[in-house]
Amino acid sequence: AAWSERERERLGPVRYDIAAQAWASRAYAMGILMLWDHELIDHGTGRWNVETLLDRAVRDFGGYDIVVLWSNYPLSGVDDRHQLAYFDELPGGLVALREAIARFHARGVRVLLDHKPWIPTPPPGHGSVEDAFVALLRDSGADGLFLDCSSGPEEPFRAAVAERVG
């Protein structure tokens, strides 16, 4: 309880009342999709199977409101690539990611990208890791970030992301 109270004070007012983020308070079904899942991407052909995946989700449980595109699991610890490298190395690269996100949006599904604050090293040539993620949001058209195992970003990063998506 004490931790929760400290976090509420640290984070300030709930941000669901910001018009650009109001959708989050109405999003109930979220799927975490591994980018290496063959249901999402046929890695032999490079084809993103967005509509097939979403059709199955609607049939099986009513569908997603949000999906998180999870980049490096189950590869964490197996290789030393930076977490942003996984997005760069997707079939079709950033262009295909942007097109896939547009296809999710066409079906009314918001898209978050995963950010792992416990991997703080920025990729070469990207400035800070925070700058790199803000650029990835801008370039991909994603709706925001899903933070893994963190008590939340520092205020400058939160403000930069909010400016990008809000």
N, C-alpha and C. Protein backbone atom coordinates (compact mmCIF):
# COMPACT_ATOMS: atom_id res chain seq x y z
N ALA A 1 0.83 -1.19 0.00
CA ALA A 1 0.00 0.00 0.00
C ALA A 1 0.87 1.26 0.00
N ALA A 2 1.94 1.23 0.79
CA ALA A 2 2.83 2.39 0.86
C ALA A 2 3.49 2.65 -0.50
N TRP A 3 3.94 1.57 -1.16
CA TRP A 3 4.54 1.71 -2.47
C TRP A 3 3.55 2.31 -3.47
N SER A 4 2.32 1.80 -3.47
CA SER A 4 1.29 2.30 -4.37
C SER A 4 1.05 3.79 -4.16
N GLU A 5 0.98 4.20 -2.92
CA GLU A 5 0.77 5.62 -2.62
C GLU A 5 1.94 6.47 -3.11
N ARG A 6 3.18 6.00 -2.90
CA ARG A 6 4.35 6.74 -3.39
C ARG A 6 4.32 6.86 -4.91
N GLU A 7 3.94 5.78 -5.59
CA GLU A 7 3.88 5.81 -7.06
C GLU A 7 2.80 6.76 -7.55
N ARG A 8 1.64 6.77 -6.90
CA ARG A 8 0.59 7.70 -7.29
C ARG A 8 1.07 9.15 -7.16
N GLU A 9 1.77 9.42 -6.07
CA GLU A 9 2.31 10.77 -5.88
C GLU A 9 3.37 11.08 -6.93
N ARG A 10 4.25 10.13 -7.21
CA ARG A 10 5.33 10.35 -8.16
C ARG A 10 4.78 10.57 -9.58
N LEU A 11 3.79 9.78 -9.95
CA LEU A 11 3.26 9.85 -11.31
C LEU A 11 2.28 11.00 -11.51
N GLY A 12 1.74 11.55 -10.44
CA GLY A 12 0.80 12.64 -10.58
C GLY A 12 -0.58 12.14 -10.97
N PRO A 13 -1.39 13.03 -11.53
CA PRO A 13 -2.77 12.64 -11.85
C PRO A 13 -2.82 11.56 -12.92
N VAL A 14 -3.86 10.76 -12.85
CA VAL A 14 -4.07 9.71 -13.84
C VAL A 14 -4.18 10.36 -15.21
N ARG A 15 -3.53 9.79 -16.18
CA ARG A 15 -3.45 10.42 -17.50
C ARG A 15 -4.51 9.92 -18.47
N TYR A 16 -5.48 9.14 -18.01
CA TYR A 16 -6.53 8.67 -18.90
C TYR A 16 -7.46 9.80 -19.34
N ASP A 17 -7.39 10.95 -18.64
CA ASP A 17 -8.27 12.05 -19.01
C ASP A 17 -7.71 12.89 -20.15
N ILE A 18 -6.50 12.61 -20.59
CA ILE A 18 -5.93 13.30 -21.75
C ILE A 18 -6.62 12.74 -22.99
N ALA A 19 -7.20 13.61 -23.79
CA ALA A 19 -8.03 13.17 -24.92
C ALA A 19 -7.32 12.17 -25.81
N ALA A 20 -6.05 12.39 -26.13
CA ALA A 20 -5.34 11.50 -27.04
C ALA A 20 -5.08 10.13 -26.43
N GLN A 21 -5.22 10.01 -25.12
CA GLN A 21 -4.97 8.73 -24.45
C GLN A 21 -6.24 8.11 -23.87
N ALA A 22 -7.37 8.73 -24.09
CA ALA A 22 -8.62 8.24 -23.50
C ALA A 22 -8.97 6.83 -23.95
N TRP A 23 -8.52 6.42 -25.12
CA TRP A 23 -8.81 5.07 -25.62
C TRP A 23 -8.33 4.00 -24.64
N ALA A 24 -7.26 4.28 -23.90
CA ALA A 24 -6.70 3.27 -23.00
C ALA A 24 -7.68 2.84 -21.92
N SER A 25 -8.55 3.74 -21.50
CA SER A 25 -9.51 3.39 -20.45
C SER A 25 -10.64 2.52 -20.98
N ARG A 26 -10.73 2.36 -22.29
CA ARG A 26 -11.78 1.53 -22.90
C ARG A 26 -11.20 0.28 -23.56
N ALA A 27 -9.95 0.01 -23.33
CA ALA A 27 -9.29 -1.14 -23.95
C ALA A 27 -9.20 -2.26 -22.91
N TYR A 28 -9.88 -3.36 -23.19
CA TYR A 28 -9.97 -4.44 -22.22
C TYR A 28 -9.20 -5.69 -22.60
N ALA A 29 -9.09 -5.99 -23.88
CA ALA A 29 -8.42 -7.22 -24.31
C ALA A 29 -7.10 -6.88 -24.99
N MET A 30 -6.02 -7.32 -24.36
CA MET A 30 -4.69 -7.05 -24.90
C MET A 30 -3.97 -8.37 -25.15
N GLY A 31 -3.35 -8.47 -26.31
CA GLY A 31 -2.55 -9.63 -26.63
C GLY A 31 -1.09 -9.25 -26.75
N ILE A 32 -0.24 -10.06 -26.19
CA ILE A 32 1.20 -9.86 -26.35
C ILE A 32 1.65 -10.82 -27.44
N LEU A 33 2.06 -10.25 -28.57
CA LEU A 33 2.42 -11.02 -29.75
C LEU A 33 3.93 -11.01 -29.93
N MET A 34 4.52 -12.17 -29.86
CA MET A 34 5.95 -12.29 -30.10
C MET A 34 6.21 -12.08 -31.58
N LEU A 35 7.17 -11.24 -31.92
CA LEU A 35 7.45 -10.96 -33.32
C LEU A 35 7.97 -12.18 -34.07
N TRP A 36 8.38 -13.19 -33.34
CA TRP A 36 8.89 -14.40 -34.00
C TRP A 36 7.81 -15.46 -34.12
N ASP A 37 6.58 -15.13 -33.69
CA ASP A 37 5.45 -16.07 -33.78
C ASP A 37 5.05 -16.21 -35.24
N HIS A 38 4.99 -17.43 -35.73
CA HIS A 38 4.68 -17.67 -37.13
C HIS A 38 3.22 -17.40 -37.47
N GLU A 39 2.37 -17.26 -36.46
CA GLU A 39 1.00 -16.85 -36.74
C GLU A 39 0.95 -15.38 -37.14
N LEU A 40 1.83 -14.58 -36.59
CA LEU A 40 1.89 -13.15 -36.91
C LEU A 40 2.67 -12.88 -38.20
N ILE A 41 3.84 -13.50 -38.33
CA ILE A 41 4.70 -13.27 -39.50
C ILE A 41 5.13 -14.62 -40.05
N ASP A 42 4.96 -14.80 -41.34
CA ASP A 42 5.51 -15.97 -42.01
C ASP A 42 6.96 -15.62 -42.34
N HIS A 43 7.88 -16.14 -41.55
CA HIS A 43 9.28 -15.75 -41.71
C HIS A 43 9.92 -16.35 -42.96
N GLY A 44 9.26 -17.29 -43.61
CA GLY A 44 9.75 -17.81 -44.87
C GLY A 44 9.49 -16.84 -46.02
N THR A 45 8.29 -16.25 -46.00
CA THR A 45 7.91 -15.34 -47.08
C THR A 45 8.02 -13.87 -46.68
N GLY A 46 8.10 -13.60 -45.37
CA GLY A 46 8.12 -12.21 -44.90
C GLY A 46 6.75 -11.58 -44.80
N ARG A 47 5.71 -12.36 -45.06
CA ARG A 47 4.33 -11.83 -45.03
C ARG A 47 3.83 -11.69 -43.59
N TRP A 48 3.29 -10.51 -43.28
CA TRP A 48 2.64 -10.28 -42.00
C TRP A 48 1.18 -10.74 -42.12
N ASN A 49 0.74 -11.60 -41.24
CA ASN A 49 -0.59 -12.20 -41.28
C ASN A 49 -1.55 -11.49 -40.33
N VAL A 50 -1.61 -10.18 -40.41
CA VAL A 50 -2.40 -9.38 -39.47
C VAL A 50 -3.87 -9.77 -39.51
N GLU A 51 -4.46 -9.78 -40.68
CA GLU A 51 -5.91 -10.04 -40.78
C GLU A 51 -6.25 -11.46 -40.33
N THR A 52 -5.44 -12.44 -40.70
CA THR A 52 -5.69 -13.82 -40.28
C THR A 52 -5.63 -13.93 -38.76
N LEU A 53 -4.62 -13.32 -38.16
CA LEU A 53 -4.47 -13.34 -36.71
C LEU A 53 -5.66 -12.67 -36.03
N LEU A 54 -6.06 -11.50 -36.54
CA LEU A 54 -7.18 -10.78 -35.94
C LEU A 54 -8.50 -11.51 -36.15
N ASP A 55 -8.68 -12.14 -37.30
CA ASP A 55 -9.90 -12.93 -37.53
C ASP A 55 -10.00 -14.08 -36.53
N ARG A 56 -8.89 -14.76 -36.28
CA ARG A 56 -8.89 -15.86 -35.31
C ARG A 56 -9.22 -15.34 -33.92
N ALA A 57 -8.65 -14.18 -33.56
CA ALA A 57 -8.91 -13.61 -32.24
C ALA A 57 -10.39 -13.26 -32.07
N VAL A 58 -10.99 -12.69 -33.11
CA VAL A 58 -12.42 -12.37 -33.05
C VAL A 58 -13.24 -13.65 -32.90
N ARG A 59 -12.90 -14.65 -33.68
CA ARG A 59 -13.63 -15.93 -33.62
C ARG A 59 -13.48 -16.59 -32.25
N ASP A 60 -12.26 -16.60 -31.71
CA ASP A 60 -12.00 -17.36 -30.49
C ASP A 60 -12.45 -16.66 -29.21
N PHE A 61 -12.32 -15.32 -29.14
CA PHE A 61 -12.65 -14.66 -27.87
C PHE A 61 -13.20 -13.24 -28.03
N GLY A 62 -13.52 -12.82 -29.22
CA GLY A 62 -14.09 -11.50 -29.41
C GLY A 62 -13.13 -10.46 -29.93
N GLY A 63 -11.84 -10.76 -29.93
CA GLY A 63 -10.86 -9.86 -30.54
C GLY A 63 -10.07 -9.03 -29.54
N TYR A 64 -9.07 -8.38 -30.08
CA TYR A 64 -8.17 -7.52 -29.30
C TYR A 64 -8.59 -6.07 -29.39
N ASP A 65 -8.34 -5.34 -28.31
CA ASP A 65 -8.40 -3.89 -28.34
C ASP A 65 -6.99 -3.33 -28.57
N ILE A 66 -6.01 -4.02 -28.01
CA ILE A 66 -4.60 -3.61 -28.08
C ILE A 66 -3.77 -4.86 -28.33
N VAL A 67 -2.70 -4.71 -29.10
CA VAL A 67 -1.67 -5.74 -29.15
C VAL A 67 -0.35 -5.08 -28.79
N VAL A 68 0.49 -5.86 -28.14
CA VAL A 68 1.87 -5.45 -27.87
C VAL A 68 2.75 -6.29 -28.79
N LEU A 69 3.55 -5.63 -29.60
CA LEU A 69 4.50 -6.35 -30.44
C LEU A 69 5.78 -6.50 -29.64
N TRP A 70 6.01 -7.73 -29.18
CA TRP A 70 7.09 -8.04 -28.26
C TRP A 70 8.30 -8.49 -29.06
N SER A 71 9.39 -7.76 -28.91
CA SER A 71 10.49 -7.90 -29.86
C SER A 71 11.47 -9.03 -29.56
N ASN A 72 12.06 -9.09 -28.42
CA ASN A 72 13.23 -9.97 -28.31
C ASN A 72 13.03 -11.27 -27.55
N TYR A 73 11.91 -11.48 -26.91
CA TYR A 73 11.71 -12.80 -26.30
C TYR A 73 11.33 -13.76 -27.40
N PRO A 74 11.73 -14.94 -27.41
CA PRO A 74 12.48 -15.67 -26.40
C PRO A 74 14.00 -15.61 -26.60
N LEU A 75 14.48 -14.60 -27.30
CA LEU A 75 15.90 -14.55 -27.62
C LEU A 75 16.74 -13.80 -26.60
N SER A 76 16.12 -13.15 -25.61
CA SER A 76 16.89 -12.42 -24.59
C SER A 76 17.90 -13.33 -23.93
N GLY A 77 19.11 -12.84 -23.84
CA GLY A 77 20.16 -13.59 -23.17
C GLY A 77 20.87 -14.59 -24.07
N VAL A 78 20.26 -14.90 -25.22
CA VAL A 78 20.87 -15.85 -26.14
C VAL A 78 21.86 -15.14 -27.05
N ASP A 79 21.55 -13.91 -27.39
CA ASP A 79 22.47 -13.12 -28.20
C ASP A 79 22.59 -11.73 -27.59
N ASP A 80 23.49 -10.95 -28.11
CA ASP A 80 23.78 -9.66 -27.49
C ASP A 80 23.23 -8.47 -28.27
N ARG A 81 22.25 -8.72 -29.14
CA ARG A 81 21.66 -7.60 -29.88
C ARG A 81 20.89 -6.68 -28.94
N HIS A 82 20.85 -5.41 -29.29
CA HIS A 82 20.06 -4.44 -28.55
C HIS A 82 18.58 -4.67 -28.86
N GLN A 83 17.70 -4.31 -27.95
CA GLN A 83 16.27 -4.57 -28.14
C GLN A 83 15.70 -3.90 -29.39
N LEU A 84 16.26 -2.82 -29.84
CA LEU A 84 15.76 -2.18 -31.06
C LEU A 84 16.21 -2.92 -32.32
N ALA A 85 17.25 -3.70 -32.23
CA ALA A 85 17.73 -4.44 -33.40
C ALA A 85 16.68 -5.41 -33.91
N TYR A 86 15.86 -5.94 -33.02
CA TYR A 86 14.84 -6.90 -33.43
C TYR A 86 13.81 -6.24 -34.34
N PHE A 87 13.47 -5.00 -34.06
CA PHE A 87 12.53 -4.28 -34.93
C PHE A 87 13.17 -4.02 -36.29
N ASP A 88 14.46 -3.64 -36.28
CA ASP A 88 15.17 -3.36 -37.53
C ASP A 88 15.28 -4.60 -38.41
N GLU A 89 15.35 -5.78 -37.79
CA GLU A 89 15.62 -7.01 -38.54
C GLU A 89 14.35 -7.79 -38.91
N LEU A 90 13.20 -7.21 -38.70
CA LEU A 90 11.95 -7.87 -39.09
C LEU A 90 11.89 -8.03 -40.60
N PRO A 91 11.19 -9.05 -41.08
CA PRO A 91 10.99 -9.16 -42.53
C PRO A 91 10.36 -7.88 -43.06
N GLY A 92 11.01 -7.27 -44.01
CA GLY A 92 10.50 -6.02 -44.58
C GLY A 92 10.93 -4.78 -43.83
N GLY A 93 11.60 -4.97 -42.69
CA GLY A 93 12.13 -3.84 -41.92
C GLY A 93 11.05 -2.91 -41.39
N LEU A 94 11.44 -1.68 -41.18
CA LEU A 94 10.55 -0.68 -40.61
C LEU A 94 9.35 -0.38 -41.51
N VAL A 95 9.55 -0.47 -42.82
CA VAL A 95 8.43 -0.24 -43.75
C VAL A 95 7.34 -1.26 -43.52
N ALA A 96 7.70 -2.54 -43.40
CA ALA A 96 6.71 -3.59 -43.17
C ALA A 96 6.07 -3.45 -41.79
N LEU A 97 6.85 -3.05 -40.79
CA LEU A 97 6.28 -2.82 -39.46
C LEU A 97 5.24 -1.72 -39.52
N ARG A 98 5.57 -0.63 -40.18
CA ARG A 98 4.63 0.49 -40.29
C ARG A 98 3.36 0.05 -41.03
N GLU A 99 3.50 -0.70 -42.10
CA GLU A 99 2.34 -1.20 -42.84
C GLU A 99 1.50 -2.14 -41.99
N ALA A 100 2.14 -3.01 -41.21
CA ALA A 100 1.41 -3.93 -40.34
C ALA A 100 0.64 -3.15 -39.28
N ILE A 101 1.27 -2.15 -38.70
CA ILE A 101 0.58 -1.33 -37.68
C ILE A 101 -0.61 -0.63 -38.31
N ALA A 102 -0.48 -0.13 -39.53
CA ALA A 102 -1.61 0.50 -40.21
C ALA A 102 -2.74 -0.50 -40.42
N ARG A 103 -2.40 -1.75 -40.69
CA ARG A 103 -3.42 -2.79 -40.86
C ARG A 103 -4.12 -3.11 -39.54
N PHE A 104 -3.37 -3.13 -38.43
CA PHE A 104 -4.02 -3.28 -37.12
C PHE A 104 -4.97 -2.11 -36.89
N HIS A 105 -4.50 -0.89 -37.15
CA HIS A 105 -5.33 0.29 -36.95
C HIS A 105 -6.59 0.24 -37.80
N ALA A 106 -6.48 -0.26 -39.03
CA ALA A 106 -7.65 -0.36 -39.91
C ALA A 106 -8.73 -1.26 -39.32
N ARG A 107 -8.32 -2.16 -38.45
CA ARG A 107 -9.26 -3.07 -37.79
C ARG A 107 -9.63 -2.57 -36.38
N GLY A 108 -9.22 -1.35 -36.04
CA GLY A 108 -9.57 -0.77 -34.74
C GLY A 108 -8.73 -1.25 -33.59
N VAL A 109 -7.57 -1.82 -33.87
CA VAL A 109 -6.69 -2.36 -32.82
C VAL A 109 -5.49 -1.43 -32.64
N ARG A 110 -5.28 -0.98 -31.41
CA ARG A 110 -4.12 -0.15 -31.08
C ARG A 110 -2.89 -1.03 -30.96
N VAL A 111 -1.72 -0.44 -31.17
CA VAL A 111 -0.47 -1.20 -31.15
C VAL A 111 0.53 -0.51 -30.23
N LEU A 112 1.06 -1.29 -29.29
CA LEU A 112 2.14 -0.84 -28.43
C LEU A 112 3.40 -1.63 -28.77
N LEU A 113 4.54 -1.01 -28.62
CA LEU A 113 5.82 -1.69 -28.78
C LEU A 113 6.41 -1.90 -27.40
N ASP A 114 7.11 -2.99 -27.21
CA ASP A 114 7.68 -3.24 -25.89
C ASP A 114 8.99 -2.48 -25.73
N HIS A 115 9.17 -1.98 -24.53
CA HIS A 115 10.40 -1.29 -24.16
C HIS A 115 10.87 -1.91 -22.85
N LYS A 116 12.10 -2.32 -22.82
CA LYS A 116 12.64 -2.95 -21.62
C LYS A 116 13.65 -2.01 -20.98
N PRO A 117 13.22 -1.27 -19.96
CA PRO A 117 14.12 -0.30 -19.33
C PRO A 117 15.34 -0.94 -18.69
N TRP A 118 15.28 -2.23 -18.46
CA TRP A 118 16.44 -2.91 -17.88
C TRP A 118 17.51 -3.20 -18.92
N ILE A 119 17.28 -2.79 -20.18
CA ILE A 119 18.31 -2.86 -21.22
C ILE A 119 18.60 -1.41 -21.61
N PRO A 120 19.41 -0.70 -20.81
CA PRO A 120 19.55 0.74 -20.99
C PRO A 120 20.51 1.19 -22.08
N THR A 121 21.32 0.30 -22.60
CA THR A 121 22.34 0.71 -23.56
C THR A 121 21.69 1.09 -24.89
N PRO A 122 21.95 2.30 -25.37
CA PRO A 122 21.37 2.67 -26.67
C PRO A 122 22.07 1.93 -27.80
N PRO A 123 21.33 1.68 -28.87
CA PRO A 123 21.96 1.05 -30.03
C PRO A 123 22.93 2.04 -30.67
N PRO A 124 23.94 1.55 -31.34
CA PRO A 124 24.91 2.45 -31.97
C PRO A 124 24.24 3.42 -32.94
N GLY A 125 24.61 4.68 -32.84
CA GLY A 125 24.11 5.68 -33.77
C GLY A 125 22.71 6.20 -33.50
N HIS A 126 22.09 5.82 -32.38
CA HIS A 126 20.71 6.23 -32.10
C HIS A 126 20.61 7.26 -30.98
N GLY A 127 21.71 7.78 -30.46
CA GLY A 127 21.61 8.67 -29.31
C GLY A 127 21.24 7.87 -28.09
N SER A 128 20.39 8.43 -27.24
CA SER A 128 19.96 7.70 -26.05
C SER A 128 18.93 6.64 -26.43
N VAL A 129 18.77 5.66 -25.57
CA VAL A 129 17.75 4.64 -25.82
C VAL A 129 16.36 5.28 -25.86
N GLU A 130 16.15 6.30 -25.04
CA GLU A 130 14.87 7.00 -25.03
C GLU A 130 14.63 7.68 -26.38
N ASP A 131 15.66 8.37 -26.91
CA ASP A 131 15.53 9.01 -28.23
C ASP A 131 15.22 7.98 -29.30
N ALA A 132 15.88 6.82 -29.21
CA ALA A 132 15.67 5.77 -30.20
C ALA A 132 14.23 5.25 -30.16
N PHE A 133 13.66 5.11 -28.97
CA PHE A 133 12.28 4.62 -28.89
C PHE A 133 11.27 5.67 -29.34
N VAL A 134 11.52 6.93 -29.04
CA VAL A 134 10.62 7.98 -29.53
C VAL A 134 10.66 7.99 -31.06
N ALA A 135 11.84 7.85 -31.64
CA ALA A 135 11.96 7.79 -33.11
C ALA A 135 11.23 6.56 -33.67
N LEU A 136 11.36 5.42 -32.99
CA LEU A 136 10.68 4.21 -33.44
C LEU A 136 9.16 4.40 -33.41
N LEU A 137 8.64 5.03 -32.37
CA LEU A 137 7.20 5.32 -32.32
C LEU A 137 6.80 6.21 -33.48
N ARG A 138 7.57 7.26 -33.71
CA ARG A 138 7.27 8.19 -34.80
C ARG A 138 7.30 7.47 -36.15
N ASP A 139 8.33 6.68 -36.37
CA ASP A 139 8.53 6.06 -37.68
C ASP A 139 7.60 4.88 -37.94
N SER A 140 7.13 4.23 -36.89
CA SER A 140 6.30 3.04 -37.07
C SER A 140 4.80 3.33 -37.03
N GLY A 141 4.41 4.45 -36.41
CA GLY A 141 2.99 4.74 -36.26
C GLY A 141 2.36 4.04 -35.08
N ALA A 142 3.17 3.42 -34.21
CA ALA A 142 2.63 2.74 -33.03
C ALA A 142 1.99 3.75 -32.08
N ASP A 143 1.10 3.24 -31.23
CA ASP A 143 0.32 4.09 -30.33
C ASP A 143 1.00 4.37 -29.00
N GLY A 144 2.05 3.66 -28.68
CA GLY A 144 2.73 3.88 -27.42
C GLY A 144 3.65 2.73 -27.09
N LEU A 145 4.12 2.74 -25.84
CA LEU A 145 5.07 1.73 -25.37
C LEU A 145 4.47 0.93 -24.23
N PHE A 146 4.83 -0.32 -24.17
CA PHE A 146 4.52 -1.20 -23.05
C PHE A 146 5.82 -1.38 -22.30
N LEU A 147 5.84 -0.97 -21.05
CA LEU A 147 7.07 -1.03 -20.26
C LEU A 147 7.14 -2.35 -19.52
N ASP A 148 8.24 -3.04 -19.68
CA ASP A 148 8.44 -4.33 -19.04
C ASP A 148 9.16 -4.14 -17.71
N CYS A 149 8.63 -4.72 -16.68
CA CYS A 149 9.23 -4.80 -15.34
C CYS A 149 9.89 -3.50 -14.92
N SER A 150 9.10 -2.45 -14.84
CA SER A 150 9.62 -1.15 -14.47
C SER A 150 8.58 -0.42 -13.66
N SER A 151 9.05 0.46 -12.81
CA SER A 151 8.11 1.30 -12.08
C SER A 151 7.74 2.53 -12.90
N GLY A 152 8.18 2.58 -14.12
CA GLY A 152 7.81 3.67 -15.00
C GLY A 152 9.01 4.48 -15.44
N PRO A 153 8.87 5.16 -16.56
CA PRO A 153 9.98 5.95 -17.08
C PRO A 153 10.15 7.24 -16.29
N GLU A 154 11.32 7.81 -16.44
CA GLU A 154 11.55 9.13 -15.86
C GLU A 154 10.71 10.15 -16.62
N GLU A 155 10.43 11.27 -16.00
CA GLU A 155 9.53 12.27 -16.57
C GLU A 155 9.95 12.78 -17.95
N PRO A 156 11.24 13.04 -18.23
CA PRO A 156 11.58 13.50 -19.60
C PRO A 156 11.22 12.48 -20.68
N PHE A 157 11.42 11.20 -20.41
CA PHE A 157 11.07 10.16 -21.38
C PHE A 157 9.56 10.09 -21.53
N ARG A 158 8.84 10.12 -20.42
CA ARG A 158 7.38 10.08 -20.45
C ARG A 158 6.84 11.26 -21.27
N ALA A 159 7.41 12.45 -21.07
CA ALA A 159 6.97 13.64 -21.79
C ALA A 159 7.25 13.50 -23.29
N ALA A 160 8.42 12.98 -23.64
CA ALA A 160 8.77 12.81 -25.06
C ALA A 160 7.84 11.81 -25.74
N VAL A 161 7.51 10.72 -25.05
CA VAL A 161 6.59 9.73 -25.62
C VAL A 161 5.20 10.33 -25.73
N ALA A 162 4.75 11.04 -24.69
CA ALA A 162 3.42 11.66 -24.72
C ALA A 162 3.32 12.67 -25.85
N GLU A 163 4.39 13.41 -26.10
CA GLU A 163 4.38 14.38 -27.19
C GLU A 163 4.26 13.66 -28.54
N ARG A 164 4.93 12.53 -28.66
CA ARG A 164 4.89 11.76 -29.92
C ARG A 164 3.52 11.14 -30.16
N VAL A 165 2.92 10.56 -29.12
CA VAL A 165 1.66 9.85 -29.33
C VAL A 165 0.45 10.68 -28.98
N GLY A 166 0.62 11.79 -28.33
CA GLY A 166 -0.53 12.54 -27.88
C GLY A 166 -0.66 13.86 -28.52
